[in-house]
N, C-alpha and C. Protein backbone atom coordinates (compact mmCIF):
# COMPACT_ATOMS: atom_id res chain seq x y z
N MET A 1 -19.34 7.28 22.54
CA MET A 1 -18.85 8.06 21.55
C MET A 1 -17.68 7.34 20.60
N GLY A 2 -18.08 7.35 19.31
CA GLY A 2 -17.03 6.70 18.55
C GLY A 2 -15.79 7.62 18.31
N ALA A 3 -14.87 6.86 17.56
CA ALA A 3 -13.71 7.57 17.10
C ALA A 3 -14.11 8.59 15.96
N GLN A 4 -13.43 9.57 15.94
CA GLN A 4 -13.69 10.66 14.87
C GLN A 4 -12.94 10.41 13.72
N MET A 5 -13.44 10.28 12.59
CA MET A 5 -12.82 10.34 11.38
C MET A 5 -12.78 11.54 10.68
N SER A 6 -11.64 11.89 10.00
CA SER A 6 -11.55 13.12 9.28
C SER A 6 -11.48 12.76 7.73
N ASP A 7 -11.84 13.71 6.85
CA ASP A 7 -11.72 13.54 5.52
C ASP A 7 -10.36 14.34 4.91
N VAL A 8 -9.99 13.76 3.83
CA VAL A 8 -8.92 14.53 3.16
C VAL A 8 -9.33 14.35 1.65
N THR A 9 -9.02 15.44 0.93
CA THR A 9 -9.12 15.33 -0.58
C THR A 9 -7.88 14.96 -1.25
N VAL A 10 -8.01 14.04 -2.02
CA VAL A 10 -6.92 13.54 -2.88
C VAL A 10 -7.40 13.51 -4.38
N LYS A 11 -6.58 14.24 -5.13
CA LYS A 11 -6.77 14.38 -6.62
C LYS A 11 -6.44 13.21 -7.31
N VAL A 12 -7.12 12.72 -8.26
CA VAL A 12 -6.85 11.56 -8.87
C VAL A 12 -6.92 11.78 -10.56
N VAL A 13 -6.01 11.45 -11.25
CA VAL A 13 -5.83 11.40 -12.72
C VAL A 13 -5.69 10.03 -13.34
N ARG A 14 -6.69 9.75 -14.26
CA ARG A 14 -6.25 8.47 -14.95
C ARG A 14 -5.35 8.87 -15.97
N VAL A 15 -4.41 7.72 -15.91
CA VAL A 15 -3.21 8.06 -16.92
C VAL A 15 -3.40 7.14 -18.24
N ARG A 16 -4.44 6.36 -18.23
CA ARG A 16 -4.91 5.81 -19.46
C ARG A 16 -6.23 5.79 -19.64
N ASP A 17 -6.77 5.34 -20.80
CA ASP A 17 -8.23 5.38 -21.04
C ASP A 17 -8.85 4.26 -20.40
N ASN A 18 -9.08 4.27 -18.98
CA ASN A 18 -9.59 3.16 -18.18
C ASN A 18 -10.77 3.42 -17.37
N ARG A 19 -11.71 4.03 -18.08
CA ARG A 19 -12.99 4.54 -17.40
C ARG A 19 -13.88 3.21 -17.13
N ASP A 20 -13.62 2.13 -17.67
CA ASP A 20 -14.38 0.96 -17.38
C ASP A 20 -14.06 0.40 -15.98
N LEU A 21 -12.87 0.85 -15.43
CA LEU A 21 -12.64 0.62 -14.08
C LEU A 21 -12.90 1.68 -13.04
N PRO A 22 -13.69 1.41 -11.92
CA PRO A 22 -14.00 2.39 -10.94
C PRO A 22 -12.93 2.99 -10.29
N LEU A 23 -13.00 4.17 -9.65
CA LEU A 23 -12.05 4.58 -8.88
C LEU A 23 -11.81 3.83 -7.66
N PRO A 24 -10.64 3.75 -7.01
CA PRO A 24 -10.55 3.00 -5.65
C PRO A 24 -11.66 3.53 -4.78
N ARG A 25 -12.16 2.56 -3.92
CA ARG A 25 -13.14 3.05 -2.97
C ARG A 25 -12.99 2.12 -1.75
N TYR A 26 -13.67 2.64 -0.59
CA TYR A 26 -13.67 1.92 0.78
C TYR A 26 -14.76 0.80 0.51
N GLN A 27 -14.46 -0.24 0.97
CA GLN A 27 -15.46 -1.38 0.88
C GLN A 27 -16.50 -1.40 1.94
N THR A 28 -16.20 -0.77 3.07
CA THR A 28 -17.15 -0.73 4.21
C THR A 28 -17.11 0.65 4.79
N GLU A 29 -18.00 0.93 5.68
CA GLU A 29 -17.96 2.23 6.26
C GLU A 29 -16.73 2.75 6.96
N LEU A 30 -16.28 1.65 7.62
CA LEU A 30 -14.96 1.92 8.53
C LEU A 30 -13.84 1.38 7.97
N SER A 31 -13.79 0.98 6.68
CA SER A 31 -12.46 0.60 6.09
C SER A 31 -11.45 1.60 6.20
N ALA A 32 -10.20 1.14 6.39
CA ALA A 32 -8.92 2.22 6.46
C ALA A 32 -8.40 2.44 5.12
N GLY A 33 -8.66 1.33 4.28
CA GLY A 33 -7.88 1.46 2.89
C GLY A 33 -8.75 1.40 1.77
N LEU A 34 -8.44 2.15 0.75
CA LEU A 34 -9.05 2.19 -0.57
C LEU A 34 -8.42 1.03 -1.47
N ASP A 35 -9.55 0.19 -1.93
CA ASP A 35 -8.98 -0.92 -2.71
C ASP A 35 -8.41 -0.38 -4.13
N LEU A 36 -7.04 -0.62 -4.42
CA LEU A 36 -6.44 -0.48 -5.66
C LEU A 36 -6.81 -1.54 -6.72
N LEU A 37 -7.35 -1.14 -7.91
CA LEU A 37 -7.38 -2.18 -8.93
C LEU A 37 -6.34 -2.39 -9.97
N ALA A 38 -6.20 -3.68 -10.61
CA ALA A 38 -5.22 -3.93 -11.58
C ALA A 38 -5.73 -3.37 -12.80
N ASP A 39 -4.93 -2.41 -13.51
CA ASP A 39 -5.25 -1.89 -14.81
C ASP A 39 -4.43 -2.58 -15.85
N LEU A 40 -4.97 -3.95 -16.11
CA LEU A 40 -4.12 -4.82 -17.01
C LEU A 40 -4.88 -5.05 -18.34
N ASP A 41 -4.14 -5.07 -19.45
CA ASP A 41 -4.63 -5.32 -20.83
C ASP A 41 -5.07 -6.65 -20.93
N ALA A 42 -4.33 -7.65 -20.35
CA ALA A 42 -4.41 -9.02 -20.44
C ALA A 42 -4.25 -9.61 -19.08
N PRO A 43 -4.69 -10.84 -18.85
CA PRO A 43 -4.46 -11.43 -17.49
C PRO A 43 -2.90 -11.71 -17.30
N LEU A 44 -2.65 -11.58 -16.14
CA LEU A 44 -1.07 -11.75 -15.66
C LEU A 44 -1.11 -12.82 -14.69
N THR A 45 -0.30 -13.84 -15.01
CA THR A 45 0.06 -14.99 -14.22
C THR A 45 1.32 -14.85 -13.44
N LEU A 46 1.50 -14.93 -12.30
CA LEU A 46 2.54 -14.91 -11.30
C LEU A 46 2.86 -16.35 -10.92
N GLY A 47 3.94 -17.02 -11.39
CA GLY A 47 4.33 -18.35 -10.96
C GLY A 47 4.85 -18.24 -9.58
N SER A 48 5.01 -19.33 -8.88
CA SER A 48 5.63 -19.34 -7.43
C SER A 48 6.90 -18.60 -7.39
N LEU A 49 6.97 -17.68 -6.35
CA LEU A 49 7.97 -16.84 -6.15
C LEU A 49 8.28 -15.77 -7.22
N GLU A 50 7.39 -15.58 -8.18
CA GLU A 50 7.65 -14.48 -9.20
C GLU A 50 6.87 -13.15 -8.58
N ARG A 51 7.45 -12.01 -9.13
CA ARG A 51 6.94 -10.85 -8.76
C ARG A 51 6.70 -10.00 -10.11
N ALA A 52 5.80 -8.96 -9.95
CA ALA A 52 5.44 -8.10 -10.95
C ALA A 52 4.97 -6.64 -10.42
N LEU A 53 5.20 -5.71 -11.23
CA LEU A 53 4.94 -4.44 -10.96
C LEU A 53 3.65 -4.28 -11.75
N VAL A 54 2.55 -4.11 -11.08
CA VAL A 54 1.16 -4.22 -11.64
C VAL A 54 0.66 -2.69 -11.59
N PRO A 55 0.18 -2.17 -12.72
CA PRO A 55 -0.26 -0.85 -12.84
C PRO A 55 -1.67 -0.63 -12.26
N THR A 56 -2.00 0.44 -11.79
CA THR A 56 -3.28 0.75 -11.44
C THR A 56 -3.95 1.77 -12.28
N GLY A 57 -3.26 2.46 -13.27
CA GLY A 57 -3.80 3.39 -14.20
C GLY A 57 -4.20 4.72 -13.50
N LEU A 58 -3.70 5.00 -12.24
CA LEU A 58 -4.02 6.32 -11.58
C LEU A 58 -2.70 6.96 -11.13
N SER A 59 -2.73 8.27 -11.15
CA SER A 59 -1.76 8.95 -10.52
C SER A 59 -2.58 9.80 -9.48
N ILE A 60 -1.93 10.22 -8.36
CA ILE A 60 -2.74 10.96 -7.35
C ILE A 60 -1.80 12.07 -6.88
N GLU A 61 -2.58 13.12 -6.35
CA GLU A 61 -1.94 14.24 -5.66
C GLU A 61 -2.29 14.39 -4.16
N LEU A 62 -1.45 13.88 -3.42
CA LEU A 62 -1.75 13.89 -1.85
C LEU A 62 -1.51 15.40 -1.45
N PRO A 63 -2.36 15.91 -0.43
CA PRO A 63 -1.94 17.22 0.25
C PRO A 63 -0.77 17.13 0.98
N PRO A 64 -0.01 18.25 1.15
CA PRO A 64 1.26 18.25 1.93
C PRO A 64 0.86 17.74 3.36
N GLY A 65 1.78 17.01 3.92
CA GLY A 65 1.49 16.57 5.29
C GLY A 65 0.89 15.24 5.43
N PHE A 66 0.68 14.60 4.18
CA PHE A 66 0.00 13.26 4.05
C PHE A 66 0.77 12.37 3.13
N GLU A 67 0.80 10.91 3.35
CA GLU A 67 1.37 10.02 2.56
C GLU A 67 0.36 9.07 2.13
N GLY A 68 0.53 8.30 1.01
CA GLY A 68 -0.36 7.15 0.71
C GLY A 68 0.60 5.92 0.99
N GLN A 69 0.01 5.01 1.89
CA GLN A 69 0.72 3.66 2.15
C GLN A 69 -0.09 2.57 1.29
N VAL A 70 0.67 1.87 0.32
CA VAL A 70 0.34 0.70 -0.45
C VAL A 70 0.43 -0.49 0.52
N ARG A 71 -0.55 -1.20 0.79
CA ARG A 71 -0.46 -2.34 1.59
C ARG A 71 -1.16 -3.59 0.94
N PRO A 72 -0.83 -4.74 1.47
CA PRO A 72 -1.32 -5.95 0.98
C PRO A 72 -2.93 -6.09 1.33
N ARG A 73 -3.56 -6.87 0.52
CA ARG A 73 -5.08 -7.33 0.84
C ARG A 73 -4.90 -8.58 1.63
N SER A 74 -5.44 -8.73 2.88
CA SER A 74 -5.34 -9.86 3.49
C SER A 74 -6.06 -11.17 3.00
N GLY A 75 -7.05 -11.09 2.17
CA GLY A 75 -7.75 -11.92 1.36
C GLY A 75 -6.87 -12.68 0.50
N LEU A 76 -6.11 -11.80 -0.36
CA LEU A 76 -5.18 -12.26 -1.39
C LEU A 76 -4.07 -13.04 -0.84
N ALA A 77 -3.57 -12.59 0.36
CA ALA A 77 -2.53 -13.28 1.01
C ALA A 77 -2.93 -14.61 1.72
N ALA A 78 -4.17 -14.70 2.22
CA ALA A 78 -4.62 -15.89 2.84
C ALA A 78 -4.96 -16.95 1.83
N ARG A 79 -5.83 -16.44 0.83
CA ARG A 79 -6.19 -17.50 -0.14
C ARG A 79 -5.13 -17.76 -1.35
N HIS A 80 -4.32 -16.94 -1.69
CA HIS A 80 -3.47 -17.26 -2.81
C HIS A 80 -1.85 -16.94 -2.51
N GLY A 81 -1.60 -16.39 -1.27
CA GLY A 81 -0.27 -16.20 -1.13
C GLY A 81 0.41 -15.20 -1.65
N LEU A 82 -0.50 -14.17 -2.20
CA LEU A 82 -0.10 -13.14 -2.98
C LEU A 82 0.01 -11.86 -1.98
N THR A 83 1.10 -11.18 -2.06
CA THR A 83 1.27 -10.09 -1.15
C THR A 83 2.20 -8.88 -1.89
N CYS A 84 2.23 -7.68 -1.14
CA CYS A 84 2.99 -6.67 -1.76
C CYS A 84 4.47 -6.64 -1.10
N LEU A 85 5.43 -6.41 -2.08
CA LEU A 85 6.88 -6.35 -1.51
C LEU A 85 6.92 -4.88 -1.04
N ASN A 86 8.05 -4.56 -0.18
CA ASN A 86 8.24 -3.36 0.28
C ASN A 86 7.04 -2.75 0.93
N ALA A 87 6.17 -3.53 1.64
CA ALA A 87 5.01 -3.11 2.28
C ALA A 87 5.22 -2.57 3.69
N PRO A 88 4.69 -1.54 3.98
CA PRO A 88 3.76 -0.67 3.23
C PRO A 88 4.81 0.04 2.21
N GLY A 89 4.43 0.31 0.88
CA GLY A 89 4.92 1.15 -0.02
C GLY A 89 4.53 2.46 0.26
N THR A 90 5.36 3.64 0.24
CA THR A 90 5.11 4.81 0.49
C THR A 90 4.87 5.78 -0.93
N ILE A 91 3.74 6.36 -0.97
CA ILE A 91 3.67 7.45 -1.87
C ILE A 91 3.71 8.76 -1.24
N ASP A 92 4.76 9.50 -1.68
CA ASP A 92 5.01 10.85 -1.08
C ASP A 92 4.13 11.70 -1.62
N ALA A 93 3.93 12.89 -0.99
CA ALA A 93 2.84 14.04 -1.25
C ALA A 93 3.29 14.65 -2.71
N ASP A 94 4.64 14.54 -3.01
CA ASP A 94 5.09 15.31 -4.20
C ASP A 94 5.30 14.33 -5.33
N TYR A 95 4.99 12.97 -5.31
CA TYR A 95 4.88 12.06 -6.38
C TYR A 95 3.82 12.30 -7.17
N ARG A 96 4.00 12.31 -8.56
CA ARG A 96 2.86 12.51 -9.49
C ARG A 96 2.76 11.47 -10.58
N GLY A 97 3.61 10.35 -10.47
CA GLY A 97 3.65 9.31 -11.41
C GLY A 97 2.51 8.17 -11.20
N GLU A 98 2.38 7.37 -11.95
CA GLU A 98 1.39 6.18 -11.89
C GLU A 98 1.57 5.47 -10.65
N VAL A 99 0.62 5.07 -9.90
CA VAL A 99 0.70 4.22 -8.73
C VAL A 99 0.75 2.78 -9.23
N LYS A 100 1.77 2.15 -8.91
CA LYS A 100 1.97 0.59 -9.32
C LYS A 100 2.19 -0.17 -7.98
N VAL A 101 1.82 -1.43 -7.94
CA VAL A 101 1.92 -2.24 -6.94
C VAL A 101 2.98 -3.26 -7.23
N ILE A 102 3.93 -3.65 -6.44
CA ILE A 102 4.85 -4.73 -6.55
C ILE A 102 4.15 -5.95 -5.83
N LEU A 103 3.72 -6.85 -6.60
CA LEU A 103 3.16 -8.02 -6.00
C LEU A 103 4.17 -9.24 -6.34
N VAL A 104 4.04 -10.21 -5.23
CA VAL A 104 4.94 -11.31 -5.24
C VAL A 104 3.88 -12.47 -4.81
N ASN A 105 4.15 -13.64 -5.62
CA ASN A 105 3.38 -14.88 -5.24
C ASN A 105 4.19 -15.81 -4.45
N LEU A 106 3.86 -15.71 -3.10
CA LEU A 106 4.56 -16.77 -2.24
C LEU A 106 4.07 -18.20 -2.09
N SER A 107 3.15 -18.45 -2.92
CA SER A 107 2.49 -19.76 -2.76
C SER A 107 3.34 -20.77 -3.82
N ASN A 108 3.03 -21.93 -3.80
CA ASN A 108 3.57 -22.91 -4.70
C ASN A 108 2.68 -23.25 -5.89
N ALA A 109 1.89 -22.42 -6.21
CA ALA A 109 0.74 -22.41 -7.25
C ALA A 109 0.78 -21.02 -8.03
N PRO A 110 0.67 -21.14 -9.34
CA PRO A 110 0.55 -20.00 -10.15
C PRO A 110 -0.70 -19.14 -9.81
N VAL A 111 -0.72 -17.84 -9.67
CA VAL A 111 -1.86 -16.87 -9.52
C VAL A 111 -2.23 -16.00 -10.69
N THR A 112 -3.25 -16.01 -11.14
CA THR A 112 -3.72 -15.13 -12.39
C THR A 112 -4.50 -14.02 -11.85
N LEU A 113 -3.95 -12.75 -12.30
CA LEU A 113 -4.71 -11.54 -12.02
C LEU A 113 -5.33 -11.22 -13.23
N ALA A 114 -6.66 -10.67 -13.19
CA ALA A 114 -7.38 -10.04 -14.27
C ALA A 114 -7.53 -8.53 -14.18
N ARG A 115 -7.90 -7.92 -15.29
CA ARG A 115 -8.31 -6.42 -15.31
C ARG A 115 -9.22 -6.20 -14.29
N GLY A 116 -9.16 -5.31 -13.39
CA GLY A 116 -10.21 -4.76 -12.39
C GLY A 116 -9.95 -5.51 -11.12
N ASP A 117 -9.09 -6.66 -10.89
CA ASP A 117 -9.02 -7.35 -9.58
C ASP A 117 -8.35 -6.40 -8.71
N ARG A 118 -8.93 -6.50 -7.45
CA ARG A 118 -8.43 -5.70 -6.24
C ARG A 118 -7.18 -6.19 -5.77
N ILE A 119 -6.08 -5.56 -5.91
CA ILE A 119 -4.79 -6.14 -5.70
C ILE A 119 -4.17 -5.66 -4.43
N ALA A 120 -4.50 -4.52 -3.89
CA ALA A 120 -3.80 -3.83 -2.70
C ALA A 120 -4.77 -2.86 -2.09
N GLN A 121 -4.34 -2.24 -1.04
CA GLN A 121 -5.19 -1.16 -0.32
C GLN A 121 -4.21 0.15 -0.29
N LEU A 122 -4.97 1.25 -0.39
CA LEU A 122 -4.18 2.50 -0.36
C LEU A 122 -4.82 3.23 1.04
N VAL A 123 -3.85 3.35 1.94
CA VAL A 123 -4.23 4.05 3.14
C VAL A 123 -3.57 5.45 3.25
N VAL A 124 -4.50 6.60 3.29
CA VAL A 124 -3.97 7.81 3.28
C VAL A 124 -3.94 8.24 4.56
N THR A 125 -2.72 8.68 5.06
CA THR A 125 -2.55 9.04 6.48
C THR A 125 -1.55 10.34 6.67
N PRO A 126 -1.69 11.00 7.75
CA PRO A 126 -0.80 12.16 7.97
C PRO A 126 0.66 11.76 8.45
N VAL A 127 1.59 12.64 8.13
CA VAL A 127 2.88 12.21 8.40
C VAL A 127 3.50 13.26 9.21
N SER A 128 4.60 12.89 10.02
CA SER A 128 5.31 13.94 10.73
C SER A 128 6.76 13.99 10.01
N ARG A 129 7.32 15.12 9.97
CA ARG A 129 8.73 15.12 9.79
C ARG A 129 9.68 15.26 11.01
N ALA A 130 10.58 14.55 11.09
CA ALA A 130 11.47 14.58 12.20
C ALA A 130 12.77 15.47 12.02
N ALA A 131 13.14 16.09 13.06
CA ALA A 131 14.19 16.85 13.16
C ALA A 131 15.32 16.17 13.96
N LEU A 132 16.27 15.71 13.20
CA LEU A 132 17.38 14.91 13.94
C LEU A 132 18.43 15.88 14.47
N VAL A 133 18.78 15.42 15.76
CA VAL A 133 19.68 16.31 16.57
C VAL A 133 20.83 15.29 16.94
N GLU A 134 22.06 15.54 16.58
CA GLU A 134 23.08 14.62 16.81
C GLU A 134 23.60 14.99 18.33
N VAL A 135 23.75 13.96 19.07
CA VAL A 135 23.88 13.98 20.48
C VAL A 135 25.30 13.01 20.81
N ASP A 136 25.94 13.14 21.98
CA ASP A 136 27.04 12.24 22.36
C ASP A 136 26.57 11.04 22.83
N ALA A 137 25.43 10.96 23.45
CA ALA A 137 24.86 9.70 23.98
C ALA A 137 23.38 9.73 23.97
N LEU A 138 22.60 8.60 24.08
CA LEU A 138 21.29 8.54 24.31
C LEU A 138 20.97 8.21 25.70
N SER A 139 19.56 8.55 26.11
CA SER A 139 19.24 8.20 27.39
C SER A 139 19.00 6.65 27.68
N GLN A 140 19.25 6.21 28.77
CA GLN A 140 19.08 4.82 29.21
C GLN A 140 17.59 4.61 29.15
N SER A 141 17.31 3.21 28.71
CA SER A 141 15.84 2.50 28.67
C SER A 141 15.98 1.09 29.35
N ALA A 142 14.84 0.59 29.66
CA ALA A 142 14.85 -0.75 30.16
C ALA A 142 15.26 -1.71 29.17
N ARG A 143 14.96 -1.50 27.98
CA ARG A 143 15.28 -2.46 26.84
C ARG A 143 16.69 -2.20 26.38
N GLY A 144 17.17 -1.08 26.45
CA GLY A 144 18.64 -0.88 26.07
C GLY A 144 18.81 -1.12 24.54
N SER A 145 19.84 -1.86 24.18
CA SER A 145 20.10 -2.15 22.81
C SER A 145 19.66 -3.50 22.42
N ALA A 146 19.05 -4.26 23.27
CA ALA A 146 18.35 -5.57 22.97
C ALA A 146 17.49 -5.58 21.68
N GLY A 147 17.75 -6.32 20.70
CA GLY A 147 17.16 -6.36 19.50
C GLY A 147 16.25 -7.36 19.05
N PHE A 148 16.24 -7.75 17.78
CA PHE A 148 15.30 -8.72 17.41
C PHE A 148 14.97 -9.89 18.24
N GLY A 149 13.68 -10.04 18.60
CA GLY A 149 13.56 -11.30 19.51
C GLY A 149 13.77 -11.02 20.98
N SER A 150 14.11 -9.95 21.26
CA SER A 150 14.50 -9.67 22.76
C SER A 150 13.24 -9.51 23.53
N THR A 151 12.10 -9.34 23.16
CA THR A 151 10.77 -9.08 24.00
C THR A 151 10.16 -10.36 24.10
N GLY A 152 10.73 -11.47 23.41
CA GLY A 152 9.98 -12.89 23.69
C GLY A 152 9.20 -13.27 22.40
N VAL A 153 8.39 -14.46 22.60
CA VAL A 153 7.83 -14.94 21.62
C VAL A 153 6.44 -14.46 21.49
C-alpha cells in the first residue's frame, strides 16, 4: 500500500495581466513541488555571483496551519549553477503579497532567464507552532553540545 497524499486548496491571484503564463503545476504525479515561473517583461541575465528578485506574478492564500516553501530546482542548479538564496524561503499563511524568488548565479558564466522559465519549486506543507518553555537546564543526550561536523563526514 502506497503513501497517502492529501490535498489542500490554495487560492491564487494574478497580480498582473499574465494569463499567457500557466499557473504553477506539478510536473509528475508524485512531485512534491509546484514549479514557479518567471513573470518577466524582458530577459534577465545574471552574471557570476549576481542575484535578483524574480517575480512570479502570483499572490497566494494558504490555509491556516500551512506554509509555502520556495526551493531551488535541481536541474537549474546542476546545469547552470542557479539556486535560491534563503532556501527554503517561507511563505506564511498570512502573507498576501506577490511571491518572488531570490535567485543567485553561482557559476562562472552568465545565465539568462526568459518569461515563463521554471525558476523554483513551491512546496505546500503543514506547520506546527512550538510553545517555548524556559527551564534551568536541558536533559543530557549522547551528542551533547557537539556542533558542526561532529557526526563525521
